[in-house]
C-alpha atoms as a PDB file:
ATOM      1  CA  MET A   1     -96.488 -86.595 -59.702  1.00  0.00           C
ATOM      2  CA  LEU A   2     -98.615 -89.005 -57.719  1.00  0.00           C
ATOM      3  CA  GLY A   3    -102.381 -89.096 -57.935  1.00  0.00           C
ATOM      4  CA  SER A   4    -104.713 -88.366 -55.079  1.00  0.00           C
ATOM      5  CA  PRO A   5    -105.478 -91.035 -52.476  1.00  0.00           C
ATOM      6  CA  GLN A   6    -109.018 -91.287 -53.871  1.00  0.00           C
ATOM      7  CA  HIS A   7    -107.653 -91.840 -57.384  1.00  0.00           C
ATOM      8  CA  TYR A   8    -105.398 -94.577 -56.011  1.00  0.00           C
ATOM      9  CA  GLN A   9    -108.371 -96.215 -54.244  1.00  0.00           C
ATOM     10  CA  GLN A  10    -110.429 -96.052 -57.437  1.00  0.00           C
ATOM     11  CA  ASN A  11    -107.669 -97.777 -59.402  1.00  0.00           C
ATOM     12  CA  ILE A  12    -107.395-100.535 -56.815  1.00  0.00           C
ATOM     13  CA  LEU A  13    -111.156-100.975 -56.806  1.00  0.00           C
ATOM     14  CA  LEU A  14    -111.247-101.130 -60.622  1.00  0.00           C
ATOM     15  CA  LYS A  15    -108.647-103.900 -60.557  1.00  0.00           C
ATOM     16  CA  GLN A  16    -110.708-105.784 -57.968  1.00  0.00           C
ATOM     17  CA  ILE A  17    -113.841-105.347 -60.099  1.00  0.00           C
ATOM     18  CA  ASN A  18    -112.123-106.642 -63.215  1.00  0.00           C
ATOM     19  CA  GLN A  19    -110.629-109.599 -61.354  1.00  0.00           C
ATOM     20  CA  LYS A  20    -113.972-110.487 -59.750  1.00  0.00           C
ATOM     21  CA  ARG A  21    -115.692-110.226 -63.148  1.00  0.00           C
ATOM     22  CA  LEU A  22    -113.163-112.601 -64.726  1.00  0.00           C
ATOM     23  CA  ASP A  23    -113.495-114.965 -61.779  1.00  0.00           C
ATOM     24  CA  MET A  24    -117.270-114.973 -62.163  1.00  0.00           C
ATOM     25  CA  TYR A  25    -117.065-115.625 -65.920  1.00  0.00           C
ATOM     26  CA  HIS A  26    -114.718-118.571 -65.395  1.00  0.00           C
ATOM     27  CA  LYS A  27    -116.901-120.053 -62.668  1.00  0.00           C
ATOM     28  CA  ALA A  28    -120.024-119.600 -64.785  1.00  0.00           C
ATOM     29  CA  ALA A  29    -118.368-121.314 -67.747  1.00  0.00           C
ATOM     30  CA  LYS A  30    -117.412-124.236 -65.527  1.00  0.00           C
ATOM     31  CA  HIS A  31    -120.500-124.580 -63.299  1.00  0.00           C
ATOM     32  CA  GLY A  32    -123.322-122.658 -65.015  1.00  0.00           C
ATOM     33  CA  PHE A  33    -124.879-119.313 -64.189  1.00  0.00           C
ATOM     34  CA  THR A  34    -127.165-120.569 -61.421  1.00  0.00           C
ATOM     35  CA  ASP A  35    -124.464-122.330 -59.409  1.00  0.00           C
ATOM     36  CA  GLU A  36    -124.281-121.090 -55.805  1.00  0.00           C
ATOM     37  CA  GLU A  37    -120.601-120.207 -56.180  1.00  0.00           C
ATOM     38  CA  VAL A  38    -121.328-118.101 -59.285  1.00  0.00           C
ATOM     39  CA  VAL A  39    -124.255-116.317 -57.633  1.00  0.00           C
ATOM     40  CA  GLU A  40    -122.087-115.516 -54.603  1.00  0.00           C
ATOM     41  CA  CYS A  41    -119.356-114.178 -56.873  1.00  0.00           C
ATOM     42  CA  SER A  42    -121.946-112.063 -58.710  1.00  0.00           C
ATOM     43  CA  GLN A  43    -123.137-110.584 -55.422  1.00  0.00           C
ATOM     44  CA  GLU A  44    -119.557-109.751 -54.450  1.00  0.00           C
ATOM     45  CA  LEU A  45    -119.115-108.055 -57.830  1.00  0.00           C
ATOM     46  CA  ASP A  46    -122.323-106.080 -57.232  1.00  0.00           C
ATOM     47  CA  ASN A  47    -120.927-104.860 -53.912  1.00  0.00           C
ATOM     48  CA  LEU A  48    -117.666-103.766 -55.540  1.00  0.00           C
ATOM     49  CA  LEU A  49    -119.565-101.947 -58.291  1.00  0.00           C
ATOM     50  CA  ASN A  50    -121.763-100.201 -55.721  1.00  0.00           C
ATOM     51  CA  GLU A  51    -118.683 -99.134 -53.780  1.00  0.00           C
ATOM     52  CA  TYR A  52    -117.100 -97.769 -56.965  1.00  0.00           C
ATOM     53  CA  GLN A  53    -120.276 -95.878 -57.861  1.00  0.00           C
ATOM     54  CA  ASP A  54    -120.440 -94.386 -54.360  1.00  0.00           C
ATOM     55  CA  MET A  55    -116.916 -93.009 -54.812  1.00  0.00           C
ATOM     56  CA  TYR A  56    -118.218 -90.901 -57.696  1.00  0.00           C
ATOM     57  CA  LEU A  57    -121.547 -89.932 -56.176  1.00  0.00           C
ATOM     58  CA  PHE A  58    -120.098 -89.071 -52.770  1.00  0.00           C
ATOM     59  CA  PRO A  59    -116.422 -88.130 -53.297  1.00  0.00           C
ATOM     60  CA  GLY A  60    -114.458 -87.694 -50.111  1.00  0.00           C
ATOM     61  CA  VAL A  61    -117.098 -89.420 -47.977  1.00  0.00           C
ATOM     62  CA  ILE A  62    -115.814 -92.954 -48.485  1.00  0.00           C
END
């Protein structure tokens, strides 16, 4: 049995979050935490986390 479309979207978003987090860690290890590229990656991760949180707070709206 397949999951709901929302469940599928949540799984995709979780994978994106984990990948972005790893990307940020690698960039921070290479360039330092205050590097512009790391800060940008952190902001992108924040956006993904906010989107994931919204899926739980407002199910079916997004």
